[in-house]
Amino acid sequence: MIDATNDPQHFKADWPFYWISQLNAAYADALERRIKPIGIDIPRWRALMSLYEDQHLSVSEIADFSAQKLNTTTKVIQRMIKDGLVSTRVRPTDGRVTEVCLTDKGDRLRKLALVEARAIYDQTFAGIDPRRVAEMNQLMSELHMALRKL
């Protein structure tokens, strides 16, 4: 554990945020290498997967889910509309909100990308007890909630 009163001897090894950053970078690199050949970059991947469980989301909701800035997400969605991957509609319950949904073409591309992501998942977590994965997900969820309160 890091002692805040002095400089730790092994800062990187004991600093969870270092490992989170390293893990995120390694995952993004591995994913990008696998999805780039099918025509997807990481921002599009995040938008496609945001719409995996929800058929219609606002651009703000996609930005939140995909951990991207709203202006970045807006530009990504505009490019995806141009490419025929998503369409938009006015939210039936609130005319001020524009919702995004996958087109058939976007859904096909999402499915292709998901095959690649699942392969990375399977290779990464091979031999790791699923209970440990569940515990890790729970811990990361708790840390995320704590950080969002700051």
C-alpha atoms as a PDB file:
ATOM      1  CA  MET A   1       0.000   0.000   0.000  1.00  0.00           C
ATOM      2  CA  ILE A   2       1.234   3.500  -0.756  1.00  0.00           C
ATOM      3  CA  ASP A   3       2.203   5.601   2.224  1.00  0.00           C
ATOM      4  CA  ALA A   4       1.203   9.228   1.565  1.00  0.00           C
ATOM      5  CA  THR A   5       3.739  10.533   4.085  1.00  0.00           C
ATOM      6  CA  ASN A   6       6.791   9.559   2.061  1.00  0.00           C
ATOM      7  CA  ASP A   7       7.830   8.494  -1.390  1.00  0.00           C
ATOM      8  CA  PRO A   8       7.087   4.832  -1.974  1.00  0.00           C
ATOM      9  CA  GLN A   9       9.977   2.664  -3.020  1.00  0.00           C
ATOM     10  CA  HIS A  10       7.961   0.830  -5.674  1.00  0.00           C
ATOM     11  CA  PHE A  11       5.454   3.442  -6.726  1.00  0.00           C
ATOM     12  CA  LYS A  12       4.353   1.872 -10.023  1.00  0.00           C
ATOM     13  CA  ALA A  13       3.962  -1.628  -8.619  1.00  0.00           C
ATOM     14  CA  ASP A  14       1.868  -0.366  -5.704  1.00  0.00           C
ATOM     15  CA  TRP A  15      -0.217   2.280  -7.503  1.00  0.00           C
ATOM     16  CA  PRO A  16      -3.505   0.771  -8.777  1.00  0.00           C
ATOM     17  CA  PHE A  17      -4.093   3.638 -11.202  1.00  0.00           C
ATOM     18  CA  TYR A  18      -0.810   2.814 -12.921  1.00  0.00           C
ATOM     19  CA  TRP A  19      -2.023  -0.729 -13.536  1.00  0.00           C
ATOM     20  CA  ILE A  20      -5.451   0.459 -14.649  1.00  0.00           C
ATOM     21  CA  SER A  21      -3.791   2.763 -17.205  1.00  0.00           C
ATOM     22  CA  GLN A  22      -1.450   0.018 -18.380  1.00  0.00           C
ATOM     23  CA  LEU A  23      -4.298  -2.472 -18.661  1.00  0.00           C
ATOM     24  CA  ASN A  24      -6.494  -0.027 -20.578  1.00  0.00           C
ATOM     25  CA  ALA A  25      -3.674   0.813 -23.004  1.00  0.00           C
ATOM     26  CA  ALA A  26      -2.816  -2.854 -23.594  1.00  0.00           C
ATOM     27  CA  TYR A  27      -6.484  -3.730 -24.151  1.00  0.00           C
ATOM     28  CA  ALA A  28      -7.025  -0.801 -26.533  1.00  0.00           C
ATOM     29  CA  ASP A  29      -3.898  -1.758 -28.489  1.00  0.00           C
ATOM     30  CA  ALA A  30      -4.932  -5.413 -28.773  1.00  0.00           C
ATOM     31  CA  LEU A  31      -8.497  -4.496 -29.707  1.00  0.00           C
ATOM     32  CA  GLU A  32      -7.461  -1.900 -32.257  1.00  0.00           C
ATOM     33  CA  ARG A  33      -5.189  -4.392 -34.023  1.00  0.00           C
ATOM     34  CA  ARG A  34      -8.106  -6.820 -34.336  1.00  0.00           C
ATOM     35  CA  ILE A  35     -10.897  -4.424 -35.331  1.00  0.00           C
ATOM     36  CA  LYS A  36      -9.009  -2.057 -37.626  1.00  0.00           C
ATOM     37  CA  PRO A  37      -8.997  -4.605 -40.487  1.00  0.00           C
ATOM     38  CA  ILE A  38     -12.818  -4.699 -40.388  1.00  0.00           C
ATOM     39  CA  GLY A  39     -13.032  -0.898 -40.536  1.00  0.00           C
ATOM     40  CA  ILE A  40     -13.599   0.090 -36.913  1.00  0.00           C
ATOM     41  CA  ASP A  41     -11.568   2.327 -34.637  1.00  0.00           C
ATOM     42  CA  ILE A  42     -11.831   2.479 -30.840  1.00  0.00           C
ATOM     43  CA  PRO A  43     -14.262   5.459 -30.682  1.00  0.00           C
ATOM     44  CA  ARG A  44     -16.631   3.709 -33.124  1.00  0.00           C
ATOM     45  CA  TRP A  45     -16.244   0.449 -31.188  1.00  0.00           C
ATOM     46  CA  ARG A  46     -17.297   2.231 -28.012  1.00  0.00           C
ATOM     47  CA  ALA A  47     -20.335   3.760 -29.698  1.00  0.00           C
ATOM     48  CA  LEU A  48     -21.326   0.441 -31.296  1.00  0.00           C
ATOM     49  CA  MET A  49     -21.062  -1.365 -27.975  1.00  0.00           C
ATOM     50  CA  SER A  50     -22.991   1.365 -26.176  1.00  0.00           C
ATOM     51  CA  LEU A  51     -25.919   0.337 -28.337  1.00  0.00           C
ATOM     52  CA  TYR A  52     -25.438  -3.376 -27.583  1.00  0.00           C
ATOM     53  CA  GLU A  53     -27.914  -3.594 -24.705  1.00  0.00           C
ATOM     54  CA  ASP A  54     -29.990  -0.514 -25.482  1.00  0.00           C
ATOM     55  CA  GLN A  55     -31.633  -0.100 -28.857  1.00  0.00           C
ATOM     56  CA  HIS A  56     -31.883   3.699 -28.628  1.00  0.00           C
ATOM     57  CA  LEU A  57     -29.584   6.045 -26.688  1.00  0.00           C
ATOM     58  CA  SER A  58     -28.973   9.760 -26.789  1.00  0.00           C
ATOM     59  CA  VAL A  59     -25.541  10.998 -27.807  1.00  0.00           C
ATOM     60  CA  SER A  60     -24.994  12.056 -24.172  1.00  0.00           C
ATOM     61  CA  GLU A  61     -25.853   8.579 -22.945  1.00  0.00           C
ATOM     62  CA  ILE A  62     -23.451   7.057 -25.481  1.00  0.00           C
ATOM     63  CA  ALA A  63     -20.726   9.479 -24.332  1.00  0.00           C
ATOM     64  CA  ASP A  64     -21.290   8.477 -20.695  1.00  0.00           C
ATOM     65  CA  PHE A  65     -21.356   4.756 -21.445  1.00  0.00           C
ATOM     66  CA  SER A  66     -18.310   4.872 -23.684  1.00  0.00           C
ATOM     67  CA  ALA A  67     -16.266   7.139 -21.388  1.00  0.00           C
ATOM     68  CA  GLN A  68     -15.710   9.684 -24.147  1.00  0.00           C
ATOM     69  CA  LYS A  69     -16.228  13.416 -24.177  1.00  0.00           C
ATOM     70  CA  LEU A  70     -19.559  14.591 -25.566  1.00  0.00           C
ATOM     71  CA  ASN A  71     -17.994  16.568 -28.419  1.00  0.00           C
ATOM     72  CA  THR A  72     -15.885  13.550 -29.447  1.00  0.00           C
ATOM     73  CA  THR A  73     -18.927  11.287 -29.333  1.00  0.00           C
ATOM     74  CA  THR A  74     -20.963  13.770 -31.375  1.00  0.00           C
ATOM     75  CA  LYS A  75     -18.312  13.751 -34.105  1.00  0.00           C
ATOM     76  CA  VAL A  76     -18.092   9.945 -34.037  1.00  0.00           C
ATOM     77  CA  ILE A  77     -21.871   9.616 -34.348  1.00  0.00           C
ATOM     78  CA  GLN A  78     -21.919  12.111 -37.240  1.00  0.00           C
ATOM     79  CA  ARG A  79     -19.313  10.011 -39.085  1.00  0.00           C
ATOM     80  CA  MET A  80     -21.272   6.846 -38.317  1.00  0.00           C
ATOM     81  CA  ILE A  81     -24.465   8.406 -39.725  1.00  0.00           C
ATOM     82  CA  LYS A  82     -22.567   9.337 -42.881  1.00  0.00           C
ATOM     83  CA  ASP A  83     -21.276   5.748 -43.141  1.00  0.00           C
ATOM     84  CA  GLY A  84     -24.756   4.288 -42.656  1.00  0.00           C
ATOM     85  CA  LEU A  85     -23.921   2.576 -39.355  1.00  0.00           C
ATOM     86  CA  VAL A  86     -26.469   4.434 -37.216  1.00  0.00           C
ATOM     87  CA  SER A  87     -29.623   6.454 -37.679  1.00  0.00           C
ATOM     88  CA  THR A  88     -31.287   9.008 -35.418  1.00  0.00           C
ATOM     89  CA  ARG A  89     -34.782   9.803 -34.267  1.00  0.00           C
ATOM     90  CA  VAL A  90     -36.459  12.169 -31.855  1.00  0.00           C
ATOM     91  CA  ARG A  91     -37.038  10.538 -28.456  1.00  0.00           C
ATOM     92  CA  PRO A  92     -40.766   9.748 -28.284  1.00  0.00           C
ATOM     93  CA  THR A  93     -41.014  10.856 -24.648  1.00  0.00           C
ATOM     94  CA  ASP A  94     -38.929  14.042 -25.034  1.00  0.00           C
ATOM     95  CA  GLY A  95     -38.800  15.895 -28.327  1.00  0.00           C
ATOM     96  CA  ARG A  96     -35.654  17.753 -27.259  1.00  0.00           C
ATOM     97  CA  VAL A  97     -33.554  14.577 -27.265  1.00  0.00           C
ATOM     98  CA  THR A  98     -32.125  12.941 -30.378  1.00  0.00           C
ATOM     99  CA  GLU A  99     -31.620   9.225 -30.063  1.00  0.00           C
ATOM    100  CA  VAL A 100     -29.184   7.033 -31.980  1.00  0.00           C
ATOM    101  CA  CYS A 101     -29.792   3.472 -33.069  1.00  0.00           C
ATOM    102  CA  LEU A 102     -27.831   0.929 -35.083  1.00  0.00           C
ATOM    103  CA  THR A 103     -28.756   0.280 -38.678  1.00  0.00           C
ATOM    104  CA  ASP A 104     -28.577  -3.265 -40.015  1.00  0.00           C
ATOM    105  CA  LYS A 105     -25.144  -2.414 -41.416  1.00  0.00           C
ATOM    106  CA  GLY A 106     -24.019  -1.089 -38.023  1.00  0.00           C
ATOM    107  CA  ASP A 107     -25.347  -4.157 -36.242  1.00  0.00           C
ATOM    108  CA  ARG A 108     -23.466  -6.468 -38.638  1.00  0.00           C
ATOM    109  CA  LEU A 109     -20.261  -4.524 -38.013  1.00  0.00           C
ATOM    110  CA  ARG A 110     -20.855  -4.592 -34.240  1.00  0.00           C
ATOM    111  CA  LYS A 111     -21.251  -8.367 -34.369  1.00  0.00           C
ATOM    112  CA  LEU A 112     -18.004  -8.773 -36.318  1.00  0.00           C
ATOM    113  CA  ALA A 113     -16.166  -6.560 -33.842  1.00  0.00           C
ATOM    114  CA  LEU A 114     -17.656  -8.406 -30.893  1.00  0.00           C
ATOM    115  CA  VAL A 115     -16.188 -11.670 -32.174  1.00  0.00           C
ATOM    116  CA  GLU A 116     -12.754 -10.045 -32.027  1.00  0.00           C
ATOM    117  CA  ALA A 117     -13.358  -8.566 -28.565  1.00  0.00           C
ATOM    118  CA  ARG A 118     -14.564 -11.918 -27.240  1.00  0.00           C
ATOM    119  CA  ALA A 119     -11.424 -13.588 -28.553  1.00  0.00           C
ATOM    120  CA  ILE A 120      -9.316 -11.074 -26.620  1.00  0.00           C
ATOM    121  CA  TYR A 121     -11.454 -11.657 -23.520  1.00  0.00           C
ATOM    122  CA  ASP A 122     -11.173 -15.435 -23.809  1.00  0.00           C
ATOM    123  CA  GLN A 123      -7.394 -15.320 -24.262  1.00  0.00           C
ATOM    124  CA  THR A 124      -6.901 -12.789 -21.458  1.00  0.00           C
ATOM    125  CA  PHE A 125      -9.046 -14.568 -18.886  1.00  0.00           C
ATOM    126  CA  ALA A 126      -8.201 -18.153 -19.825  1.00  0.00           C
ATOM    127  CA  GLY A 127      -7.428 -20.064 -16.659  1.00  0.00           C
ATOM    128  CA  ILE A 128      -8.776 -17.367 -14.330  1.00  0.00           C
ATOM    129  CA  ASP A 129     -11.600 -18.466 -12.066  1.00  0.00           C
ATOM    130  CA  PRO A 130     -14.831 -16.730 -13.148  1.00  0.00           C
ATOM    131  CA  ARG A 131     -15.468 -15.829  -9.479  1.00  0.00           C
ATOM    132  CA  ARG A 132     -12.272 -13.771  -9.472  1.00  0.00           C
ATOM    133  CA  VAL A 133     -13.431 -11.990 -12.618  1.00  0.00           C
ATOM    134  CA  ALA A 134     -16.789 -11.252 -10.957  1.00  0.00           C
ATOM    135  CA  GLU A 135     -15.006  -9.967  -7.829  1.00  0.00           C
ATOM    136  CA  MET A 136     -12.740  -7.785  -9.968  1.00  0.00           C
ATOM    137  CA  ASN A 137     -15.755  -6.346 -11.809  1.00  0.00           C
ATOM    138  CA  GLN A 138     -17.461  -5.610  -8.493  1.00  0.00           C
ATOM    139  CA  LEU A 139     -14.360  -3.897  -7.111  1.00  0.00           C
ATOM    140  CA  MET A 140     -13.905  -1.812 -10.274  1.00  0.00           C
ATOM    141  CA  SER A 141     -17.572  -0.798 -10.121  1.00  0.00           C
ATOM    142  CA  GLU A 142     -17.136   0.347  -6.523  1.00  0.00           C
ATOM    143  CA  LEU A 143     -13.972   2.286  -7.396  1.00  0.00           C
ATOM    144  CA  HIS A 144     -15.743   3.911 -10.339  1.00  0.00           C
ATOM    145  CA  MET A 145     -18.612   5.050  -8.112  1.00  0.00           C
ATOM    146  CA  ALA A 146     -16.155   6.423  -5.532  1.00  0.00           C
ATOM    147  CA  LEU A 147     -14.230   8.362  -8.176  1.00  0.00           C
ATOM    148  CA  ARG A 148     -17.436   9.777  -9.700  1.00  0.00           C
ATOM    149  CA  LYS A 149     -18.238  11.304  -6.288  1.00  0.00           C
ATOM    150  CA  LEU A 150     -14.993  13.283  -6.217  1.00  0.00           C
END
